[in-house]
N, C-alpha and C. Protein backbone atom coordinates (compact mmCIF):
# COMPACT_ATOMS: atom_id res chain seq x y z
N MET A 1 66.43 38.19 15.64
CA MET A 1 65.54 38.16 14.50
C MET A 1 65.35 37.01 14.01
N SER A 2 66.43 36.55 14.40
CA SER A 2 66.16 34.92 13.82
C SER A 2 64.96 34.23 15.00
N ARG A 3 65.05 34.75 16.15
CA ARG A 3 63.99 33.90 16.99
C ARG A 3 62.78 34.04 16.82
N TYR A 4 62.13 35.45 15.72
CA TYR A 4 60.97 35.77 15.87
C TYR A 4 60.33 34.72 13.79
N SER A 5 61.48 34.75 13.62
CA SER A 5 61.39 34.37 12.52
C SER A 5 60.93 33.18 12.25
N ALA A 6 61.89 32.33 13.26
CA ALA A 6 61.38 30.96 13.62
C ALA A 6 59.60 30.82 13.77
N GLY A 7 59.74 31.53 14.85
CA GLY A 7 58.24 32.47 15.43
C GLY A 7 56.81 31.74 14.70
N LYS A 8 57.19 32.71 13.70
CA LYS A 8 56.61 33.21 12.37
C LYS A 8 55.99 31.44 11.64
N GLY A 9 57.24 30.82 11.51
CA GLY A 9 57.22 29.98 10.59
C GLY A 9 56.22 28.70 11.58
N LYS A 10 56.33 28.09 13.10
CA LYS A 10 55.88 27.67 13.48
C LYS A 10 54.35 27.77 12.99
N TYR A 11 54.06 29.42 13.34
CA TYR A 11 52.67 29.75 13.19
C TYR A 11 51.94 29.38 11.90
N LYS A 12 52.61 29.98 11.09
CA LYS A 12 52.23 29.15 9.42
C LYS A 12 51.86 28.10 9.03
N GLY A 13 51.73 26.94 10.06
CA GLY A 13 52.48 25.49 9.68
C GLY A 13 50.98 25.52 10.81
N LYS A 14 50.70 25.97 11.90
CA LYS A 14 49.77 25.79 12.27
C LYS A 14 48.53 26.06 11.65
N LYS A 15 48.99 27.67 11.39
CA LYS A 15 47.60 28.16 10.17
C LYS A 15 47.10 27.00 8.94
N SER A 16 47.95 26.53 8.43
CA SER A 16 47.72 25.87 7.46
C SER A 16 47.09 25.00 7.78
N PHE A 17 47.52 24.10 8.63
CA PHE A 17 46.94 22.72 8.85
C PHE A 17 45.35 23.24 9.72
N TRP A 18 44.96 23.80 10.44
CA TRP A 18 43.79 24.80 10.79
C TRP A 18 42.57 24.43 9.78
N SER A 19 43.41 25.82 8.73
CA SER A 19 42.36 26.19 7.38
C SER A 19 42.14 24.79 7.09
N THR A 20 43.13 23.89 6.49
CA THR A 20 43.06 22.68 6.15
C THR A 20 41.44 22.23 6.81
N VAL A 21 42.01 21.60 7.79
CA VAL A 21 41.02 20.80 8.36
C VAL A 21 39.51 21.83 8.79
N ILE A 22 39.41 22.72 8.55
CA ILE A 22 38.38 23.62 8.39
C ILE A 22 37.79 23.71 7.14
N LEU A 23 38.50 24.12 6.46
CA LEU A 23 38.11 23.24 4.65
C LEU A 23 37.33 22.00 4.49
N LEU A 24 38.10 20.83 4.64
CA LEU A 24 37.80 19.35 5.00
C LEU A 24 36.35 19.65 6.04
N PHE A 25 36.44 20.14 6.80
CA PHE A 25 34.83 20.18 7.71
C PHE A 25 33.57 21.14 7.02
N LEU A 26 33.64 22.05 6.12
CA LEU A 26 33.26 22.86 5.01
C LEU A 26 32.83 21.92 4.57
N LEU A 27 33.79 21.03 3.71
CA LEU A 27 33.57 20.20 2.06
C LEU A 27 32.73 19.13 2.98
N TYR A 28 33.00 18.43 4.25
CA TYR A 28 32.14 17.28 4.45
C TYR A 28 30.57 17.96 4.59
N ILE A 29 30.52 19.20 5.12
CA ILE A 29 28.99 19.40 5.65
C ILE A 29 28.16 19.25 4.28
N MET A 30 29.10 20.57 3.09
CA MET A 30 28.52 20.69 2.21
C MET A 30 28.18 19.62 1.32
N VAL A 31 29.15 17.98 1.12
CA VAL A 31 28.37 17.08 0.44
C VAL A 31 26.77 16.46 1.33
N SER A 32 27.56 16.35 2.42
CA SER A 32 25.98 15.90 3.80
C SER A 32 24.44 16.75 3.36
N PHE A 33 24.85 17.63 2.84
CA PHE A 33 23.87 18.43 2.33
C PHE A 33 23.40 18.35 1.60
N GLY A 34 24.10 18.47 0.27
CA GLY A 34 24.05 17.91 -0.80
C GLY A 34 23.04 16.41 -1.06
N LEU A 35 23.70 15.35 -0.34
CA LEU A 35 22.72 14.44 -0.62
C LEU A 35 21.46 13.55 0.35
N GLU A 36 21.63 15.01 0.77
CA GLU A 36 20.22 15.00 2.05
C GLU A 36 19.10 15.55 1.22
N VAL A 37 19.86 16.71 0.74
CA VAL A 37 18.49 17.50 -0.73
C VAL A 37 18.28 16.62 -2.03
N GLN A 38 19.09 16.01 -2.28
CA GLN A 38 19.10 14.96 -3.28
C GLN A 38 17.82 13.25 -2.80
N LYS A 39 18.11 13.41 -2.02
CA LYS A 39 17.21 12.02 -0.94
C LYS A 39 15.71 12.94 -1.06
N LEU A 40 15.85 14.01 -0.30
CA LEU A 40 14.49 14.54 -0.07
C LEU A 40 13.75 14.96 -1.83
N TYR A 41 14.46 15.10 -2.43
CA TYR A 41 13.95 15.19 -4.26
C TYR A 41 13.55 14.32 -4.19
N ILE A 42 13.96 13.19 -4.58
CA ILE A 42 13.94 12.07 -4.82
C ILE A 42 12.58 11.47 -3.91
N MET A 43 12.47 11.66 -2.69
CA MET A 43 10.81 11.15 -1.72
C MET A 43 9.98 12.10 -2.38
N HIS A 44 10.19 13.57 -2.63
CA HIS A 44 8.80 14.29 -3.03
C HIS A 44 8.90 13.41 -4.22
N ARG A 45 9.44 13.54 -5.25
CA ARG A 45 8.78 12.98 -6.72
C ARG A 45 7.84 11.78 -6.64
N GLU A 46 8.73 10.89 -6.06
CA GLU A 46 7.89 9.67 -5.82
C GLU A 46 6.25 9.65 -4.45
N VAL A 47 6.36 10.46 -4.15
CA VAL A 47 5.07 11.10 -3.52
C VAL A 47 4.24 11.92 -4.12
N LYS A 48 4.51 12.56 -5.05
CA LYS A 48 4.42 12.46 -6.10
C LYS A 48 3.22 11.81 -7.15
N ASP A 49 4.31 10.84 -7.56
CA ASP A 49 3.87 9.96 -8.32
C ASP A 49 2.88 8.71 -7.94
N LEU A 50 2.86 8.95 -6.48
CA LEU A 50 1.82 7.93 -5.94
C LEU A 50 0.92 8.60 -5.24
N SER A 51 0.70 10.30 -5.34
CA SER A 51 -0.43 10.72 -5.14
C SER A 51 -0.74 10.84 -6.53
N ASP A 52 -0.35 10.91 -7.66
CA ASP A 52 -1.22 10.76 -9.15
C ASP A 52 -1.94 9.16 -8.81
N GLU A 53 -1.09 8.53 -8.40
CA GLU A 53 -1.84 6.94 -8.84
C GLU A 53 -2.64 6.82 -8.10
N VAL A 54 -2.57 7.44 -6.40
CA VAL A 54 -4.05 7.05 -5.52
C VAL A 54 -5.13 8.03 -6.47
N TYR A 55 -4.95 9.12 -6.76
CA TYR A 55 -5.87 10.18 -7.23
C TYR A 55 -6.40 9.15 -8.99
N GLU A 56 -5.40 8.56 -9.82
CA GLU A 56 -6.01 7.41 -10.70
C GLU A 56 -6.90 6.10 -10.34
N LEU A 57 -6.66 6.25 -9.27
CA LEU A 57 -7.16 4.84 -8.69
C LEU A 57 -8.72 5.18 -7.81
N LYS A 58 -8.77 6.06 -7.57
CA LYS A 58 -9.48 7.04 -6.78
C LYS A 58 -10.97 7.08 -8.47
N LEU A 59 -9.90 7.26 -9.23
CA LEU A 59 -11.30 7.38 -10.09
C LEU A 59 -11.62 6.03 -10.97
N ASP A 60 -11.46 5.48 -10.98
CA ASP A 60 -11.25 4.10 -11.45
C ASP A 60 -12.06 3.39 -10.72
N ASN A 61 -11.73 3.67 -9.13
CA ASN A 61 -13.07 2.89 -7.76
C ASN A 61 -14.66 3.84 -8.25
N GLU A 62 -14.44 4.72 -8.88
CA GLU A 62 -15.93 5.53 -8.57
C GLU A 62 -16.26 5.08 -9.51
N LYS A 63 -15.75 4.65 -11.16
CA LYS A 63 -16.18 4.29 -12.05
C LYS A 63 -16.58 3.10 -11.90
N LEU A 64 -16.19 2.09 -11.53
CA LEU A 64 -16.70 0.88 -11.21
C LEU A 64 -18.18 0.54 -9.95
N LEU A 65 -18.14 1.67 -9.16
CA LEU A 65 -18.89 2.08 -7.97
C LEU A 65 -20.48 2.07 -9.02
N ALA A 66 -20.00 3.33 -9.98
CA ALA A 66 -21.14 2.91 -10.70
C ALA A 66 -21.53 2.63 -11.65
N ASP A 67 -21.34 1.58 -12.34
CA ASP A 67 -20.91 -0.13 -12.94
C ASP A 67 -21.90 -0.85 -12.37
N ILE A 68 -21.57 -0.75 -11.25
CA ILE A 68 -21.78 -2.38 -10.29
C ILE A 68 -23.54 -1.62 -9.58
N LYS A 69 -23.89 0.05 -9.86
CA LYS A 69 -25.23 0.23 -9.53
C LYS A 69 -25.62 0.34 -10.55
N ARG A 70 -25.28 0.35 -11.66
CA ARG A 70 -26.57 -0.01 -12.94
C ARG A 70 -26.33 -0.85 -13.42
N LEU A 71 -25.54 -1.74 -12.67
CA LEU A 71 -25.86 -3.39 -13.23
C LEU A 71 -26.96 -3.94 -12.24
N LYS A 72 -27.37 -3.24 -11.03
CA LYS A 72 -27.92 -3.85 -10.28
C LYS A 72 -29.52 -3.39 -10.62
N ASN A 73 -29.77 -2.50 -11.39
CA ASN A 73 -30.51 -1.99 -11.96
C ASN A 73 -31.22 -3.37 -13.49
N SER A 74 -32.03 -4.26 -12.72
CA SER A 74 -32.74 -4.56 -13.54
C SER A 74 -33.39 -4.21 -14.83
N SER A 75 -33.81 -2.74 -14.88
CA SER A 75 -34.28 -2.10 -16.29
C SER A 75 -33.47 -2.38 -17.17
N TYR A 76 -31.99 -1.77 -16.70
CA TYR A 76 -30.72 -1.55 -17.90
C TYR A 76 -30.55 -3.12 -17.67
N LEU A 77 -30.60 -3.65 -17.13
CA LEU A 77 -29.99 -6.14 -17.60
C LEU A 77 -30.67 -5.94 -18.67
N GLU A 78 -32.13 -5.99 -18.44
CA GLU A 78 -33.24 -6.25 -19.65
C GLU A 78 -33.18 -5.64 -21.22
N ALA A 79 -33.00 -4.21 -20.73
CA ALA A 79 -32.39 -3.38 -22.07
C ALA A 79 -31.05 -4.00 -22.85
N ARG A 80 -30.13 -4.03 -21.74
CA ARG A 80 -28.81 -4.73 -22.28
C ARG A 80 -28.90 -5.88 -22.70
N ALA A 81 -30.30 -7.17 -22.33
CA ALA A 81 -29.88 -8.39 -23.29
C ALA A 81 -31.27 -8.27 -24.30
N ARG A 82 -31.87 -7.47 -24.20
CA ARG A 82 -32.71 -7.07 -25.53
C ARG A 82 -31.96 -6.42 -26.93
N GLU A 83 -30.46 -5.74 -26.27
CA GLU A 83 -29.76 -5.43 -27.64
C GLU A 83 -29.00 -6.76 -28.34
N MET A 84 -28.71 -7.57 -26.97
CA MET A 84 -28.27 -8.25 -27.80
C MET A 84 -29.10 -10.05 -28.74
N GLY A 85 -30.07 -9.62 -28.51
CA GLY A 85 -31.40 -10.19 -28.97
C GLY A 85 -32.11 -11.28 -28.35
N PHE A 86 -31.99 -11.51 -26.81
CA PHE A 86 -32.43 -12.52 -26.01
C PHE A 86 -34.07 -11.84 -26.00
N VAL A 87 -34.98 -12.71 -25.19
CA VAL A 87 -36.43 -12.11 -25.55
C VAL A 87 -37.11 -13.15 -23.93
N LYS A 88 -37.54 -12.55 -23.76
CA LYS A 88 -38.43 -13.73 -22.38
C LYS A 88 -39.16 -14.29 -22.98
N PRO A 89 -39.40 -15.04 -22.01
CA PRO A 89 -40.18 -16.52 -22.28
C PRO A 89 -41.67 -15.63 -22.70
N GLY A 90 -42.27 -16.86 -23.84
CA GLY A 90 -43.65 -16.15 -24.31
C GLY A 90 -43.50 -15.28 -24.82
N GLU A 91 -42.35 -14.63 -25.37
CA GLU A 91 -42.73 -13.07 -26.29
C GLU A 91 -42.48 -14.04 -27.57
N LYS A 92 -43.05 -13.63 -28.58
CA LYS A 92 -42.78 -13.34 -30.20
C LYS A 92 -41.54 -12.58 -30.82
N VAL A 93 -40.85 -13.00 -31.36
CA VAL A 93 -39.39 -12.10 -32.31
C VAL A 93 -40.15 -12.15 -33.80
N ILE A 94 -40.17 -10.51 -33.64
CA ILE A 94 -40.38 -10.06 -35.07
C ILE A 94 -39.58 -9.23 -35.61
N VAL A 95 -39.02 -9.90 -37.35
CA VAL A 95 -37.85 -9.30 -37.74
C VAL A 95 -38.36 -8.51 -38.49
N ILE A 96 -38.04 -6.98 -39.11
CA ILE A 96 -38.10 -5.99 -39.61
C ILE A 96 -36.69 -6.38 -40.83
N GLU A 97 -37.32 -6.32 -41.77
CA GLU A 97 -36.17 -6.17 -42.74
C GLU A 97 -36.00 -4.90 -43.83
N LYS A 98 -35.16 -4.72 -44.02
CA LYS A 98 -34.88 -3.29 -44.55
C LYS A 98 -35.41 -3.57 -46.22
N LYS A 99 -35.35 -2.58 -46.93
CA LYS A 99 -36.21 -2.31 -48.28
C LYS A 99 -34.77 -3.41 -49.30
N GLY A 100 -34.68 -4.32 -49.77
CA GLY A 100 -33.66 -4.73 -50.26
C GLY A 100 -32.57 -5.72 -50.07
N GLN A 101 -32.83 -5.42 -48.95
CA GLN A 101 -32.02 -6.88 -47.81
C GLN A 101 -32.66 -8.11 -48.60
N GLY A 102 -34.20 -8.74 -48.59
CA GLY A 102 -34.22 -9.50 -48.99
C GLY A 102 -33.89 -10.14 -50.01
N SER A 103 -33.96 -8.83 -51.29
CA SER A 103 -33.68 -9.63 -52.76
C SER A 103 -32.12 -9.78 -52.98
N ASN A 104 -31.45 -8.85 -52.01
CA ASN A 104 -29.83 -9.31 -52.45
C ASN A 104 -29.36 -10.61 -51.54
N ALA A 105 -30.08 -10.98 -50.80
CA ALA A 105 -29.93 -12.32 -50.49
C ALA A 105 -30.24 -13.30 -50.86
N SER A 106 -31.68 -13.25 -52.02
CA SER A 106 -32.44 -14.32 -52.33
C SER A 106 -31.43 -14.07 -54.05
N GLY A 107 -30.43 -12.96 -54.55
CA GLY A 107 -30.19 -12.84 -55.52
C GLY A 107 -28.55 -13.61 -55.84
N ASN A 108 -28.14 -13.58 -54.86
CA ASN A 108 -26.90 -14.53 -54.76
C ASN A 108 -26.56 -16.17 -55.12
């Protein structure tokens, strides 16, 4: 009987060793997988942020193109210049004061 009991002890030691090896291997795979999932999540978030930025830049670009088109229109430029008080050469400027503005200015 002592013969078999000695063999069982050897077998238990080998079983424990291989169990530990398999457990460490599985732990390594789980950690590696977790790190890869984390990297994938970070890259996905960066792609989303960059996509949002591209969308905003496209909107800004469309607005700028509309501004360029509007500024190339001579009638728009003329209207803006007149709003700022510019006149064409040879034109006369007539200023109409509202009632009471002239008397307030002279009364002071």
